[in-house]
Amino acid sequence: MEIKRIETYSLYEFCKAVQEAVVEGWRFDFDSNDLFPTAFGTMLVAGMVKAEPKIKSPTELVTEKVDQNPTEVQSKRGRPSKE
């Protein structure tokens, strides 16, 4: 896992660095204590990880055929009727 650390003393510089990192494909890692964004007095620290694409290739896409003329009638939900 690639890690990018941002450490600045200025809120402006911190926000600017975070914005550039997000545009480059980095994201915050809120699951790790070491990388969680933190302020130590006036020092702002954050660790960011490279965002992984959810779908890596078009072959991973799953398609489903839908029948245009369904012949099966859907049953009603709930208790069965008394006959």
PDB file of N, CA and C in Angstrom:
ATOM      1  N   MET A   1       0.846  -1.172   0.000  1.00  0.00           N
ATOM      2  CA  MET A   1       0.000   0.000   0.000  1.00  0.00           C
ATOM      3  C   MET A   1       0.894   1.238   0.000  1.00  0.00           C
ATOM      4  N   GLU A   2       0.637   2.129  -0.920  1.00  0.00           N
ATOM      5  CA  GLU A   2       1.392   3.373  -1.011  1.00  0.00           C
ATOM      6  C   GLU A   2       0.852   4.363   0.014  1.00  0.00           C
ATOM      7  N   ILE A   3       1.763   5.072   0.689  1.00  0.00           N
ATOM      8  CA  ILE A   3       1.368   6.043   1.714  1.00  0.00           C
ATOM      9  C   ILE A   3       2.012   7.386   1.403  1.00  0.00           C
ATOM     10  N   LYS A   4       1.224   8.452   1.530  1.00  0.00           N
ATOM     11  CA  LYS A   4       1.720   9.811   1.360  1.00  0.00           C
ATOM     12  C   LYS A   4       1.453  10.552   2.662  1.00  0.00           C
ATOM     13  N   ARG A   5       2.492  11.141   3.260  1.00  0.00           N
ATOM     14  CA  ARG A   5       2.334  11.869   4.508  1.00  0.00           C
ATOM     15  C   ARG A   5       2.348  13.364   4.231  1.00  0.00           C
ATOM     16  N   ILE A   6       1.414  14.069   4.853  1.00  0.00           N
ATOM     17  CA  ILE A   6       1.333  15.516   4.740  1.00  0.00           C
ATOM     18  C   ILE A   6       1.567  16.088   6.132  1.00  0.00           C
ATOM     19  N   GLU A   7       2.575  16.941   6.265  1.00  0.00           N
ATOM     20  CA  GLU A   7       2.905  17.560   7.545  1.00  0.00           C
ATOM     21  C   GLU A   7       3.172  19.039   7.311  1.00  0.00           C
ATOM     22  N   THR A   8       2.329  19.906   7.851  1.00  0.00           N
ATOM     23  CA  THR A   8       2.500  21.349   7.687  1.00  0.00           C
ATOM     24  C   THR A   8       2.138  22.066   8.983  1.00  0.00           C
ATOM     25  N   TYR A   9       2.564  23.325   9.074  1.00  0.00           N
ATOM     26  CA  TYR A   9       2.228  24.173  10.217  1.00  0.00           C
ATOM     27  C   TYR A   9       1.154  25.188   9.864  1.00  0.00           C
ATOM     28  N   SER A  10       0.728  25.218   8.632  1.00  0.00           N
ATOM     29  CA  SER A  10      -0.252  26.190   8.163  1.00  0.00           C
ATOM     30  C   SER A  10      -1.508  25.465   7.685  1.00  0.00           C
ATOM     31  N   LEU A  11      -2.672  25.928   8.119  1.00  0.00           N
ATOM     32  CA  LEU A  11      -3.928  25.323   7.665  1.00  0.00           C
ATOM     33  C   LEU A  11      -4.082  25.496   6.163  1.00  0.00           C
ATOM     34  N   TYR A  12      -3.672  26.649   5.647  1.00  0.00           N
ATOM     35  CA  TYR A  12      -3.740  26.899   4.209  1.00  0.00           C
ATOM     36  C   TYR A  12      -2.888  25.892   3.441  1.00  0.00           C
ATOM     37  N   GLU A  13      -1.641  25.703   3.876  1.00  0.00           N
ATOM     38  CA  GLU A  13      -0.750  24.761   3.195  1.00  0.00           C
ATOM     39  C   GLU A  13      -1.266  23.325   3.315  1.00  0.00           C
ATOM     40  N   PHE A  14      -1.843  22.976   4.467  1.00  0.00           N
ATOM     41  CA  PHE A  14      -2.399  21.643   4.666  1.00  0.00           C
ATOM     42  C   PHE A  14      -3.553  21.396   3.700  1.00  0.00           C
ATOM     43  N   CYS A  15      -4.484  22.343   3.624  1.00  0.00           N
ATOM     44  CA  CYS A  15      -5.637  22.188   2.720  1.00  0.00           C
ATOM     45  C   CYS A  15      -5.194  22.128   1.263  1.00  0.00           C
ATOM     46  N   LYS A  16      -4.207  22.936   0.912  1.00  0.00           N
ATOM     47  CA  LYS A  16      -3.694  22.948  -0.454  1.00  0.00           C
ATOM     48  C   LYS A  16      -3.053  21.592  -0.793  1.00  0.00           C
ATOM     49  N   ALA A  17      -2.265  21.041   0.145  1.00  0.00           N
ATOM     50  CA  ALA A  17      -1.610  19.758  -0.089  1.00  0.00           C
ATOM     51  C   ALA A  17      -2.630  18.623  -0.171  1.00  0.00           C
ATOM     52  N   VAL A  18      -3.662  18.667   0.680  1.00  0.00           N
ATOM     53  CA  VAL A  18      -4.700  17.633   0.646  1.00  0.00           C
ATOM     54  C   VAL A  18      -5.467  17.698  -0.670  1.00  0.00           C
ATOM     55  N   GLN A  19      -5.798  18.906  -1.108  1.00  0.00           N
ATOM     56  CA  GLN A  19      -6.533  19.051  -2.368  1.00  0.00           C
ATOM     57  C   GLN A  19      -5.721  18.497  -3.537  1.00  0.00           C
ATOM     58  N   GLU A  20      -4.430  18.797  -3.586  1.00  0.00           N
ATOM     59  CA  GLU A  20      -3.580  18.280  -4.657  1.00  0.00           C
ATOM     60  C   GLU A  20      -3.492  16.755  -4.599  1.00  0.00           C
ATOM     61  N   ALA A  21      -3.405  16.213  -3.391  1.00  0.00           N
ATOM     62  CA  ALA A  21      -3.318  14.761  -3.241  1.00  0.00           C
ATOM     63  C   ALA A  21      -4.599  14.076  -3.707  1.00  0.00           C
ATOM     64  N   VAL A  22      -5.749  14.641  -3.392  1.00  0.00           N
ATOM     65  CA  VAL A  22      -7.032  14.061  -3.802  1.00  0.00           C
ATOM     66  C   VAL A  22      -7.145  14.073  -5.327  1.00  0.00           C
ATOM     67  N   VAL A  23      -6.711  15.163  -5.948  1.00  0.00           N
ATOM     68  CA  VAL A  23      -6.755  15.245  -7.408  1.00  0.00           C
ATOM     69  C   VAL A  23      -5.839  14.189  -8.028  1.00  0.00           C
ATOM     70  N   GLU A  24      -4.721  13.883  -7.362  1.00  0.00           N
ATOM     71  CA  GLU A  24      -3.785  12.871  -7.863  1.00  0.00           C
ATOM     72  C   GLU A  24      -4.247  11.444  -7.595  1.00  0.00           C
ATOM     73  N   GLY A  25      -5.346  11.273  -6.840  1.00  0.00           N
ATOM     74  CA  GLY A  25      -5.880   9.930  -6.614  1.00  0.00           C
ATOM     75  C   GLY A  25      -5.616   9.377  -5.226  1.00  0.00           C
ATOM     76  N   TRP A  26      -5.261  10.222  -4.270  1.00  0.00           N
ATOM     77  CA  TRP A  26      -5.035   9.785  -2.902  1.00  0.00           C
ATOM     78  C   TRP A  26      -6.304   9.996  -2.092  1.00  0.00           C
ATOM     79  N   ARG A  27      -6.459   9.241  -0.995  1.00  0.00           N
ATOM     80  CA  ARG A  27      -7.612   9.397  -0.117  1.00  0.00           C
ATOM     81  C   ARG A  27      -7.160   9.247   1.333  1.00  0.00           C
ATOM     82  N   PHE A  28      -7.962   9.779   2.265  1.00  0.00           N
ATOM     83  CA  PHE A  28      -7.666   9.638   3.689  1.00  0.00           C
ATOM     84  C   PHE A  28      -7.865   8.188   4.113  1.00  0.00           C
ATOM     85  N   ASP A  29      -7.082   7.746   5.089  1.00  0.00           N
ATOM     86  CA  ASP A  29      -7.242   6.417   5.665  1.00  0.00           C
ATOM     87  C   ASP A  29      -7.731   6.597   7.095  1.00  0.00           C
ATOM     88  N   PHE A  30      -9.049   6.519   7.288  1.00  0.00           N
ATOM     89  CA  PHE A  30      -9.644   6.735   8.605  1.00  0.00           C
ATOM     90  C   PHE A  30      -9.617   5.470   9.462  1.00  0.00           C
ATOM     91  N   ASP A  31      -9.145   4.352   8.925  1.00  0.00           N
ATOM     92  CA  ASP A  31      -9.097   3.104   9.674  1.00  0.00           C
ATOM     93  C   ASP A  31      -7.795   2.932  10.449  1.00  0.00           C
ATOM     94  N   SER A  32      -6.793   3.700  10.142  1.00  0.00           N
ATOM     95  CA  SER A  32      -5.483   3.558  10.774  1.00  0.00           C
ATOM     96  C   SER A  32      -5.229   4.716  11.740  1.00  0.00           C
ATOM     97  N   ASN A  33      -4.769   4.421  12.936  1.00  0.00           N
ATOM     98  CA  ASN A  33      -4.438   5.468  13.898  1.00  0.00           C
ATOM     99  C   ASN A  33      -3.216   6.266  13.464  1.00  0.00           C
ATOM    100  N   ASP A  34      -2.267   5.617  12.805  1.00  0.00           N
ATOM    101  CA  ASP A  34      -1.050   6.300  12.376  1.00  0.00           C
ATOM    102  C   ASP A  34      -1.308   7.311  11.261  1.00  0.00           C
ATOM    103  N   LEU A  35      -2.291   7.045  10.425  1.00  0.00           N
ATOM    104  CA  LEU A  35      -2.544   7.902   9.264  1.00  0.00           C
ATOM    105  C   LEU A  35      -3.726   8.857   9.458  1.00  0.00           C
ATOM    106  N   PHE A  36      -4.402   8.772  10.584  1.00  0.00           N
ATOM    107  CA  PHE A  36      -5.588   9.603  10.832  1.00  0.00           C
ATOM    108  C   PHE A  36      -5.165  11.077  10.908  1.00  0.00           C
ATOM    109  N   PRO A  37      -5.901  11.985  10.245  1.00  0.00           N
ATOM    110  CA  PRO A  37      -5.556  13.411  10.304  1.00  0.00           C
ATOM    111  C   PRO A  37      -5.577  13.918  11.751  1.00  0.00           C
ATOM    112  N   THR A  38      -4.485  14.596  12.151  1.00  0.00           N
ATOM    113  CA  THR A  38      -4.328  15.026  13.533  1.00  0.00           C
ATOM    114  C   THR A  38      -3.673  16.401  13.584  1.00  0.00           C
ATOM    115  N   ALA A  39      -4.015  17.167  14.614  1.00  0.00           N
ATOM    116  CA  ALA A  39      -3.378  18.459  14.854  1.00  0.00           C
ATOM    117  C   ALA A  39      -2.615  18.378  16.175  1.00  0.00           C
ATOM    118  N   PHE A  40      -1.313  18.626  16.112  1.00  0.00           N
ATOM    119  CA  PHE A  40      -0.465  18.694  17.300  1.00  0.00           C
ATOM    120  C   PHE A  40      -0.116  20.158  17.519  1.00  0.00           C
ATOM    121  N   GLY A  41      -0.937  20.847  18.283  1.00  0.00           N
ATOM    122  CA  GLY A  41      -0.725  22.291  18.441  1.00  0.00           C
ATOM    123  C   GLY A  41      -1.007  22.976  17.126  1.00  0.00           C
ATOM    124  N   THR A  42       0.043  23.520  16.500  1.00  0.00           N
ATOM    125  CA  THR A  42      -0.147  24.172  15.203  1.00  0.00           C
ATOM    126  C   THR A  42       0.302  23.283  14.039  1.00  0.00           C
ATOM    127  N   MET A  43       0.822  22.093  14.350  1.00  0.00           N
ATOM    128  CA  MET A  43       1.263  21.185  13.287  1.00  0.00           C
ATOM    129  C   MET A  43       0.110  20.280  12.866  1.00  0.00           C
ATOM    130  N   LEU A  44      -0.170  20.233  11.577  1.00  0.00           N
ATOM    131  CA  LEU A  44      -1.226  19.397  11.011  1.00  0.00           C
ATOM    132  C   LEU A  44      -0.584  18.237  10.270  1.00  0.00           C
ATOM    133  N   VAL A  45      -1.017  17.027  10.607  1.00  0.00           N
ATOM    134  CA  VAL A  45      -0.427  15.810  10.044  1.00  0.00           C
ATOM    135  C   VAL A  45      -1.547  14.915   9.525  1.00  0.00           C
ATOM    136  N   ALA A  46      -1.318  14.302   8.375  1.00  0.00           N
ATOM    137  CA  ALA A  46      -2.268  13.324   7.829  1.00  0.00           C
ATOM    138  C   ALA A  46      -1.511  12.347   6.946  1.00  0.00           C
ATOM    139  N   GLY A  47      -1.969  11.136   6.949  1.00  0.00           N
ATOM    140  CA  GLY A  47      -1.433  10.128   6.037  1.00  0.00           C
ATOM    141  C   GLY A  47      -2.515   9.771   5.042  1.00  0.00           C
ATOM    142  N   MET A  48      -2.140   9.681   3.787  1.00  0.00           N
ATOM    143  CA  MET A  48      -3.103   9.360   2.743  1.00  0.00           C
ATOM    144  C   MET A  48      -2.614   8.124   1.999  1.00  0.00           C
ATOM    145  N   VAL A  49      -3.563   7.322   1.526  1.00  0.00           N
ATOM    146  CA  VAL A  49      -3.237   6.118   0.769  1.00  0.00           C
ATOM    147  C   VAL A  49      -3.754   6.277  -0.651  1.00  0.00           C
ATOM    148  N   LYS A  50      -3.130   5.568  -1.559  1.00  0.00           N
ATOM    149  CA  LYS A  50      -3.534   5.632  -2.959  1.00  0.00           C
ATOM    150  C   LYS A  50      -4.896   4.968  -3.112  1.00  0.00           C
ATOM    151  N   ALA A  51      -5.840   5.663  -3.714  1.00  0.00           N
ATOM    152  CA  ALA A  51      -7.190   5.130  -3.918  1.00  0.00           C
ATOM    153  C   ALA A  51      -7.140   4.046  -4.979  1.00  0.00           C
ATOM    154  N   GLU A  52      -7.751   2.903  -4.664  1.00  0.00           N
ATOM    155  CA  GLU A  52      -7.798   1.794  -5.600  1.00  0.00           C
ATOM    156  C   GLU A  52      -9.119   1.846  -6.356  1.00  0.00           C
ATOM    157  N   PRO A  53      -9.083   1.620  -7.661  1.00  0.00           N
ATOM    158  CA  PRO A  53     -10.339   1.629  -8.410  1.00  0.00           C
ATOM    159  C   PRO A  53     -11.228   0.470  -7.985  1.00  0.00           C
ATOM    160  N   LYS A  54     -12.533   0.723  -7.949  1.00  0.00           N
ATOM    161  CA  LYS A  54     -13.475  -0.317  -7.542  1.00  0.00           C
ATOM    162  C   LYS A  54     -13.558  -1.417  -8.594  1.00  0.00           C
ATOM    163  N   ILE A  55     -13.523  -1.036  -9.860  1.00  0.00           N
ATOM    164  CA  ILE A  55     -13.541  -2.006 -10.956  1.00  0.00           C
ATOM    165  C   ILE A  55     -12.222  -1.844 -11.702  1.00  0.00           C
ATOM    166  N   LYS A  56     -11.440  -2.889 -11.735  1.00  0.00           N
ATOM    167  CA  LYS A  56     -10.107  -2.807 -12.313  1.00  0.00           C
ATOM    168  C   LYS A  56     -10.110  -2.935 -13.827  1.00  0.00           C
ATOM    169  N   SER A  57     -11.038  -3.700 -14.397  1.00  0.00           N
ATOM    170  CA  SER A  57     -11.078  -3.869 -15.840  1.00  0.00           C
ATOM    171  C   SER A  57     -12.518  -4.119 -16.285  1.00  0.00           C
ATOM    172  N   PRO A  58     -12.794  -3.859 -17.551  1.00  0.00           N
ATOM    173  CA  PRO A  58     -14.153  -4.076 -18.043  1.00  0.00           C
ATOM    174  C   PRO A  58     -14.594  -5.536 -17.978  1.00  0.00           C
ATOM    175  N   THR A  59     -13.660  -6.462 -17.888  1.00  0.00           N
ATOM    176  CA  THR A  59     -14.041  -7.874 -17.847  1.00  0.00           C
ATOM    177  C   THR A  59     -14.661  -8.262 -16.516  1.00  0.00           C
ATOM    178  N   GLU A  60     -14.486  -7.417 -15.488  1.00  0.00           N
ATOM    179  CA  GLU A  60     -15.064  -7.707 -14.184  1.00  0.00           C
ATOM    180  C   GLU A  60     -16.533  -7.301 -14.081  1.00  0.00           C
ATOM    181  N   LEU A  61     -17.008  -6.579 -15.077  1.00  0.00           N
ATOM    182  CA  LEU A  61     -18.410  -6.172 -15.060  1.00  0.00           C
ATOM    183  C   LEU A  61     -19.303  -7.384 -15.248  1.00  0.00           C
ATOM    184  N   VAL A  62     -20.392  -7.425 -14.523  1.00  0.00           N
ATOM    185  CA  VAL A  62     -21.330  -8.538 -14.624  1.00  0.00           C
ATOM    186  C   VAL A  62     -22.597  -8.021 -15.282  1.00  0.00           C
ATOM    187  N   THR A  63     -23.013  -8.702 -16.316  1.00  0.00           N
ATOM    188  CA  THR A  63     -24.242  -8.316 -16.992  1.00  0.00           C
ATOM    189  C   THR A  63     -25.295  -9.372 -16.748  1.00  0.00           C
ATOM    190  N   GLU A  64     -26.531  -8.947 -16.772  1.00  0.00           N
ATOM    191  CA  GLU A  64     -27.638  -9.861 -16.533  1.00  0.00           C
ATOM    192  C   GLU A  64     -28.677  -9.645 -17.620  1.00  0.00           C
ATOM    193  N   LYS A  65     -29.126 -10.747 -18.224  1.00  0.00           N
ATOM    194  CA  LYS A  65     -30.162 -10.651 -19.240  1.00  0.00           C
ATOM    195  C   LYS A  65     -31.518 -10.543 -18.561  1.00  0.00           C
ATOM    196  N   VAL A  66     -32.345  -9.664 -19.095  1.00  0.00           N
ATOM    197  CA  VAL A  66     -33.689  -9.480 -18.560  1.00  0.00           C
ATOM    198  C   VAL A  66     -34.683  -9.881 -19.637  1.00  0.00           C
ATOM    199  N   ASP A  67     -35.604 -10.758 -19.288  1.00  0.00           N
ATOM    200  CA  ASP A  67     -36.623 -11.213 -20.224  1.00  0.00           C
ATOM    201  C   ASP A  67     -37.631 -10.092 -20.439  1.00  0.00           C
ATOM    202  N   GLN A  68     -37.824  -9.710 -21.689  1.00  0.00           N
ATOM    203  CA  GLN A  68     -38.740  -8.612 -22.004  1.00  0.00           C
ATOM    204  C   GLN A  68     -40.200  -9.009 -21.857  1.00  0.00           C
ATOM    205  N   ASN A  69     -40.521 -10.293 -22.021  1.00  0.00           N
ATOM    206  CA  ASN A  69     -41.893 -10.775 -21.918  1.00  0.00           C
ATOM    207  C   ASN A  69     -41.984 -11.827 -20.820  1.00  0.00           C
ATOM    208  N   PRO A  70     -42.086 -11.428 -19.589  1.00  0.00           N
ATOM    209  CA  PRO A  70     -42.156 -12.430 -18.525  1.00  0.00           C
ATOM    210  C   PRO A  70     -43.492 -13.169 -18.568  1.00  0.00           C
ATOM    211  N   THR A  71     -43.435 -14.492 -18.455  1.00  0.00           N
ATOM    212  CA  THR A  71     -44.654 -15.290 -18.483  1.00  0.00           C
ATOM    213  C   THR A  71     -45.086 -15.690 -17.079  1.00  0.00           C
ATOM    214  N   GLU A  72     -44.192 -15.555 -16.127  1.00  0.00           N
ATOM    215  CA  GLU A  72     -44.495 -15.941 -14.756  1.00  0.00           C
ATOM    216  C   GLU A  72     -45.145 -14.768 -14.024  1.00  0.00           C
ATOM    217  N   VAL A  73     -46.221 -15.038 -13.315  1.00  0.00           N
ATOM    218  CA  VAL A  73     -46.923 -14.000 -12.569  1.00  0.00           C
ATOM    219  C   VAL A  73     -46.351 -13.979 -11.160  1.00  0.00           C
ATOM    220  N   GLN A  74     -46.042 -12.768 -10.667  1.00  0.00           N
ATOM    221  CA  GLN A  74     -45.508 -12.654  -9.323  1.00  0.00           C
ATOM    222  C   GLN A  74     -46.615 -12.901  -8.313  1.00  0.00           C
ATOM    223  N   SER A  75     -46.275 -13.600  -7.259  1.00  0.00           N
ATOM    224  CA  SER A  75     -47.254 -13.845  -6.206  1.00  0.00           C
ATOM    225  C   SER A  75     -47.244 -12.683  -5.229  1.00  0.00           C
ATOM    226  N   LYS A  76     -48.376 -12.511  -4.535  1.00  0.00           N
ATOM    227  CA  LYS A  76     -48.491 -11.444  -3.552  1.00  0.00           C
ATOM    228  C   LYS A  76     -47.759 -11.837  -2.289  1.00  0.00           C
ATOM    229  N   ARG A  77     -47.261 -10.856  -1.587  1.00  0.00           N
ATOM    230  CA  ARG A  77     -46.590 -11.102  -0.326  1.00  0.00           C
ATOM    231  C   ARG A  77     -47.635 -11.194   0.787  1.00  0.00           C
ATOM    232  N   GLY A  78     -47.236 -11.802   1.875  1.00  0.00           N
ATOM    233  CA  GLY A  78     -48.111 -11.869   3.039  1.00  0.00           C
ATOM    234  C   GLY A  78     -48.638 -13.261   3.284  1.00  0.00           C
ATOM    235  N   ARG A  79     -49.639 -13.342   4.114  1.00  0.00           N
ATOM    236  CA  ARG A  79     -50.221 -14.636   4.471  1.00  0.00           C
ATOM    237  C   ARG A  79     -50.959 -15.217   3.293  1.00  0.00           C
ATOM    238  N   PRO A  80     -50.938 -16.538   3.175  1.00  0.00           N
ATOM    239  CA  PRO A  80     -51.743 -17.167   2.117  1.00  0.00           C
ATOM    240  C   PRO A  80     -53.231 -17.019   2.445  1.00  0.00           C
ATOM    241  N   SER A  81     -54.036 -16.882   1.421  1.00  0.00           N
ATOM    242  CA  SER A  81     -55.477 -16.707   1.631  1.00  0.00           C
ATOM    243  C   SER A  81     -56.118 -18.022   2.056  1.00  0.00           C
ATOM    244  N   LYS A  82     -57.195 -17.922   2.844  1.00  0.00           N
ATOM    245  CA  LYS A  82     -57.939 -19.097   3.293  1.00  0.00           C
ATOM    246  C   LYS A  82     -58.928 -19.478   2.198  1.00  0.00           C
ATOM    247  N   GLU A  83     -58.940 -20.739   1.839  1.00  0.00           N
ATOM    248  CA  GLU A  83     -59.860 -21.181   0.788  1.00  0.00           C
ATOM    249  C   GLU A  83     -60.763 -22.260   1.270  1.00  0.00           C
TER     250      GLU A  83
END
